Structure formats: C-alpha cells, structure tokens
C-alpha atoms as a PDB file:
ATOM      1  CA  MET A   1      98.905  89.164  60.682  1.00  0.00           C
ATOM      2  CA  VAL A   2      96.113  86.962  62.032  1.00  0.00           C
ATOM      3  CA  VAL A   3      94.669  84.349  59.700  1.00  0.00           C
ATOM      4  CA  ALA A   4      91.402  82.553  60.403  1.00  0.00           C
ATOM      5  CA  ASP A   5      90.160  79.736  58.221  1.00  0.00           C
ATOM      6  CA  LEU A   6      86.390  79.949  58.115  1.00  0.00           C
ATOM      7  CA  PRO A   7      84.826  76.928  56.454  1.00  0.00           C
ATOM      8  CA  GLY A   8      81.821  77.392  54.235  1.00  0.00           C
ATOM      9  CA  LEU A   9      78.964  78.819  56.231  1.00  0.00           C
ATOM     10  CA  LEU A  10      75.572  77.194  56.386  1.00  0.00           C
ATOM     11  CA  GLU A  11      72.567  79.238  55.404  1.00  0.00           C
ATOM     12  CA  GLY A  12      71.324  80.712  58.658  1.00  0.00           C
ATOM     13  CA  ALA A  13      74.772  80.858  60.253  1.00  0.00           C
ATOM     14  CA  HIS A  14      74.002  84.408  61.380  1.00  0.00           C
ATOM     15  CA  ARG A  15      71.236  82.885  63.564  1.00  0.00           C
ATOM     16  CA  GLY A  16      73.681  80.415  65.088  1.00  0.00           C
ATOM     17  CA  TYR A  17      72.964  77.399  62.871  1.00  0.00           C
ATOM     18  CA  GLY A  18      75.825  74.942  62.828  1.00  0.00           C
ATOM     19  CA  LEU A  19      78.864  76.655  64.289  1.00  0.00           C
ATOM     20  CA  GLY A  20      77.798  79.898  62.634  1.00  0.00           C
ATOM     21  CA  HIS A  21      78.315  82.365  65.477  1.00  0.00           C
ATOM     22  CA  GLU A  22      81.693  80.914  66.398  1.00  0.00           C
ATOM     23  CA  PHE A  23      82.996  81.238  62.845  1.00  0.00           C
ATOM     24  CA  LEU A  24      81.422  84.629  62.255  1.00  0.00           C
ATOM     25  CA  ARG A  25      82.935  86.013  65.471  1.00  0.00           C
ATOM     26  CA  HIS A  26      86.368  84.988  64.171  1.00  0.00           C
ATOM     27  CA  SER A  27      85.774  87.047  61.044  1.00  0.00           C
ATOM     28  CA  GLU A  28      85.096  90.124  63.185  1.00  0.00           C
ATOM     29  CA  ARG A  29      88.676  89.933  64.478  1.00  0.00           C
ATOM     30  CA  CYS A  30      90.184  89.872  60.986  1.00  0.00           C
ATOM     31  CA  SER A  31      91.300  93.048  59.240  1.00  0.00           C
ATOM     32  CA  VAL A  32      91.037  91.545  55.757  1.00  0.00           C
ATOM     33  CA  LEU A  33      88.784  88.757  54.518  1.00  0.00           C
ATOM     34  CA  VAL A  34      89.755  86.274  51.826  1.00  0.00           C
ATOM     35  CA  HIS A  35      86.716  84.603  50.298  1.00  0.00           C
ATOM     36  CA  VAL A  36      87.761  81.276  48.790  1.00  0.00           C
ATOM     37  CA  VAL A  37      85.060  80.097  46.407  1.00  0.00           C
ATOM     38  CA  ASP A  38      84.793  76.474  45.281  1.00  0.00           C
ATOM     39  CA  GLY A  39      85.063  76.695  41.505  1.00  0.00           C
ATOM     40  CA  SER A  40      83.648  73.195  41.132  1.00  0.00           C
ATOM     41  CA  ALA A  41      80.289  74.285  42.571  1.00  0.00           C
ATOM     42  CA  GLN A  42      77.394  74.486  40.120  1.00  0.00           C
ATOM     43  CA  GLN A  43      76.955  78.224  40.694  1.00  0.00           C
ATOM     44  CA  PRO A  44      80.003  79.540  42.532  1.00  0.00           C
ATOM     45  CA  GLU A  45      78.838  83.159  42.337  1.00  0.00           C
ATOM     46  CA  PHE A  46      75.804  82.264  44.459  1.00  0.00           C
ATOM     47  CA  GLU A  47      78.023  80.634  47.066  1.00  0.00           C
ATOM     48  CA  PHE A  48      80.038  83.844  47.302  1.00  0.00           C
ATOM     49  CA  GLU A  49      76.863  85.924  47.603  1.00  0.00           C
ATOM     50  CA  ALA A  50      75.464  83.568  50.268  1.00  0.00           C
ATOM     51  CA  VAL A  51      78.554  84.008  52.439  1.00  0.00           C
ATOM     52  CA  ARG A  52      78.436  87.786  51.981  1.00  0.00           C
ATOM     53  CA  LEU A  53      74.775  87.750  53.009  1.00  0.00           C
ATOM     54  CA  GLU A  54      75.519  85.725  56.145  1.00  0.00           C
ATOM     55  CA  LEU A  55      78.230  88.237  57.051  1.00  0.00           C
ATOM     56  CA  VAL A  56      75.937  91.253  56.696  1.00  0.00           C
ATOM     57  CA  LEU A  57      73.088  89.543  58.568  1.00  0.00           C
ATOM     58  CA  PHE A  58      75.450  88.723  61.439  1.00  0.00           C
ATOM     59  CA  SER A  59      77.127  92.125  61.577  1.00  0.00           C
ATOM     60  CA  PRO A  60      76.711  94.807  58.883  1.00  0.00           C
ATOM     61  CA  SER A  61      80.217  96.116  59.626  1.00  0.00           C
ATOM     62  CA  LEU A  62      81.707  92.859  58.306  1.00  0.00           C
ATOM     63  CA  VAL A  63      80.709  93.748  54.756  1.00  0.00           C
ATOM     64  CA  ASP A  64      82.796  96.919  55.006  1.00  0.00           C
ATOM     65  CA  LYS A  65      85.990  94.983  55.689  1.00  0.00           C
ATOM     66  CA  PRO A  66      88.398  94.871  52.760  1.00  0.00           C
ATOM     67  CA  TYR A  67      88.393  91.520  51.021  1.00  0.00           C
ATOM     68  CA  VAL A  68      89.842  89.422  48.240  1.00  0.00           C
ATOM     69  CA  VAL A  69      87.798  86.901  46.265  1.00  0.00           C
ATOM     70  CA  VAL A  70      89.615  83.722  45.267  1.00  0.00           C
ATOM     71  CA  TYR A  71      88.167  81.219  42.812  1.00  0.00           C
ATOM     72  CA  ASN A  72      89.751  77.861  43.613  1.00  0.00           C
ATOM     73  CA  LYS A  73      90.103  74.482  41.860  1.00  0.00           C
ATOM     74  CA  MET A  74      91.189  75.770  38.458  1.00  0.00           C
ATOM     75  CA  ASP A  75      92.853  72.367  38.028  1.00  0.00           C
ATOM     76  CA  LEU A  76      89.372  70.855  37.517  1.00  0.00           C
ATOM     77  CA  PRO A  77      87.791  71.123  34.053  1.00  0.00           C
ATOM     78  CA  GLU A  78      84.369  72.190  35.364  1.00  0.00           C
ATOM     79  CA  ALA A  79      85.889  74.977  37.453  1.00  0.00           C
ATOM     80  CA  SER A  80      88.011  76.147  34.561  1.00  0.00           C
ATOM     81  CA  GLU A  81      84.923  76.242  32.325  1.00  0.00           C
ATOM     82  CA  ARG A  82      82.968  78.379  34.819  1.00  0.00           C
ATOM     83  CA  TRP A  83      85.780  80.838  35.573  1.00  0.00           C
ATOM     84  CA  ASN A  84      84.972  83.415  32.877  1.00  0.00           C
ATOM     85  CA  ILE A  85      81.306  83.604  33.864  1.00  0.00           C
ATOM     86  CA  PHE A  86      82.232  83.961  37.541  1.00  0.00           C
ATOM     87  CA  ARG A  87      84.834  86.621  36.807  1.00  0.00           C
ATOM     88  CA  GLU A  88      82.499  88.621  34.573  1.00  0.00           C
ATOM     89  CA  LYS A  89      79.700  88.588  37.159  1.00  0.00           C
ATOM     90  CA  LEU A  90      82.020  89.819  39.880  1.00  0.00           C
ATOM     91  CA  GLN A  91      83.691  92.389  37.647  1.00  0.00           C
ATOM     92  CA  ALA A  92      80.223  93.787  36.907  1.00  0.00           C
ATOM     93  CA  GLN A  93      80.035  94.471  40.672  1.00  0.00           C
ATOM     94  CA  GLY A  94      83.462  96.130  40.697  1.00  0.00           C
ATOM     95  CA  ILE A  95      85.215  93.085  42.173  1.00  0.00           C
ATOM     96  CA  GLU A  96      88.386  91.675  40.609  1.00  0.00           C
ATOM     97  CA  PRO A  97      88.603  87.995  41.616  1.00  0.00           C
ATOM     98  CA  TYR A  98      91.732  85.850  41.563  1.00  0.00           C
ATOM     99  CA  CYS A  99      91.809  82.307  40.237  1.00  0.00           C
ATOM    100  CA  ILE A 100      93.992  79.616  41.747  1.00  0.00           C
ATOM    101  CA  SER A 101      94.600  75.926  41.975  1.00  0.00           C
ATOM    102  CA  ALA A 102      95.485  75.469  45.629  1.00  0.00           C
ATOM    103  CA  ILE A 103      96.435  71.835  45.113  1.00  0.00           C
ATOM    104  CA  ASN A 104      98.947  72.833  42.407  1.00  0.00           C
ATOM    105  CA  ARG A 105      99.870  76.100  44.160  1.00  0.00           C
ATOM    106  CA  GLN A 106      99.126  78.050  40.997  1.00  0.00           C
ATOM    107  CA  GLY A 107      98.160  81.666  41.591  1.00  0.00           C
ATOM    108  CA  THR A 108      98.472  81.436  45.357  1.00  0.00           C
ATOM    109  CA  GLN A 109     101.333  83.926  45.621  1.00  0.00           C
ATOM    110  CA  ASP A 110      99.231  86.570  43.856  1.00  0.00           C
ATOM    111  CA  VAL A 111      96.511  86.086  46.456  1.00  0.00           C
ATOM    112  CA  VAL A 112      98.967  86.340  49.348  1.00  0.00           C
ATOM    113  CA  HIS A 113     100.376  89.568  47.901  1.00  0.00           C
ATOM    114  CA  ALA A 114      96.900  91.021  47.316  1.00  0.00           C
ATOM    115  CA  ALA A 115      95.789  90.199  50.864  1.00  0.00           C
ATOM    116  CA  TYR A 116      98.996  91.652  52.283  1.00  0.00           C
ATOM    117  CA  LYS A 117      98.541  94.880  50.307  1.00  0.00           C
ATOM    118  CA  LEU A 118      94.996  95.203  51.616  1.00  0.00           C
ATOM    119  CA  LEU A 119      96.222  94.554  55.143  1.00  0.00           C
ATOM    120  CA  GLN A 120      98.865  97.273  54.842  1.00  0.00           C
ATOM    121  CA  LYS A 121      96.256  99.704  53.495  1.00  0.00           C
ATOM    122  CA  GLU A 122      93.880  98.839  56.315  1.00  0.00           C
ATOM    123  CA  ARG A 123      96.584  99.320  58.952  1.00  0.00           C
ATOM    124  CA  GLN A 124      97.443 102.704  57.457  1.00  0.00           C
ATOM    125  CA  ARG A 125      93.774 103.692  57.443  1.00  0.00           C
ATOM    126  CA  MET A 126      93.451 102.675  61.101  1.00  0.00           C
ATOM    127  CA  LYS A 127      96.472 104.799  62.043  1.00  0.00           C
ATOM    128  CA  GLU A 128      94.913 107.826  60.363  1.00  0.00           C
ATOM    129  CA  THR A 129      91.613 107.502  62.224  1.00  0.00           C
END
C-alpha cells in the first residue's frame, strides 16, 4: 500500500499554484484517497468541496477514485460542535464521513480499516478489468 500525505491544496492548485501540480500528481498514483478535513475550520464542508474541485479540475479521473472522508480534531470543542452539520451535509450526498481526534488517536483505527477495505475492493476491481 502506498500512502501519500497531501497537505491542504491552495485554490488554483490545478493550475500549478503553490506546489499544486506536484501534490496532485501524487494523488494520481494512489488507489484510494483519504480526505482529512480540519474540523476546526469555520466551514469544513467547503474545504472538502474545494479539494474535490481541485482534483476534478486537475484530472477528472481523480474524482472517480474511491475515497474516505475523515473529520479531524474532535478533541476541540468547535470541531465537536460542527460535526453533526458536517456529517449531515455529506450524508445528503451519499458520503459517510468518519470523525477522529488524531492527537488522541480516537477513531483512527476505523479509518485505517475503511481505507484498507476500499483498497482491497479497488485491487479486486482492477484484477477483473
């Protein structure tokens, strides 16, 4: 399994702003994407959507990759307060996000298992094609 840590992308990364192309090229090599969203952000759902938009603008095939959405920083009161709104907005799109506190290692095993399951499914799909 190859893991690439892609820091938050700047708006316009698909046009090469910042280190956009370098980071986006790494994501092309991944079989499964794990979107880690900063739960302490004012509107975390928009941050998730912004990253998804940068992916599709760089390479439409990236949006078709299987992915897991992880809402981080549940140890912070403001993130905890925003979790239900974030979850409901994503569930309305058919996405089941995970919540974690990376610093406390709460919920991280569930994310690892979910990503591994998606990876296994993707490998099986690739064998069949």
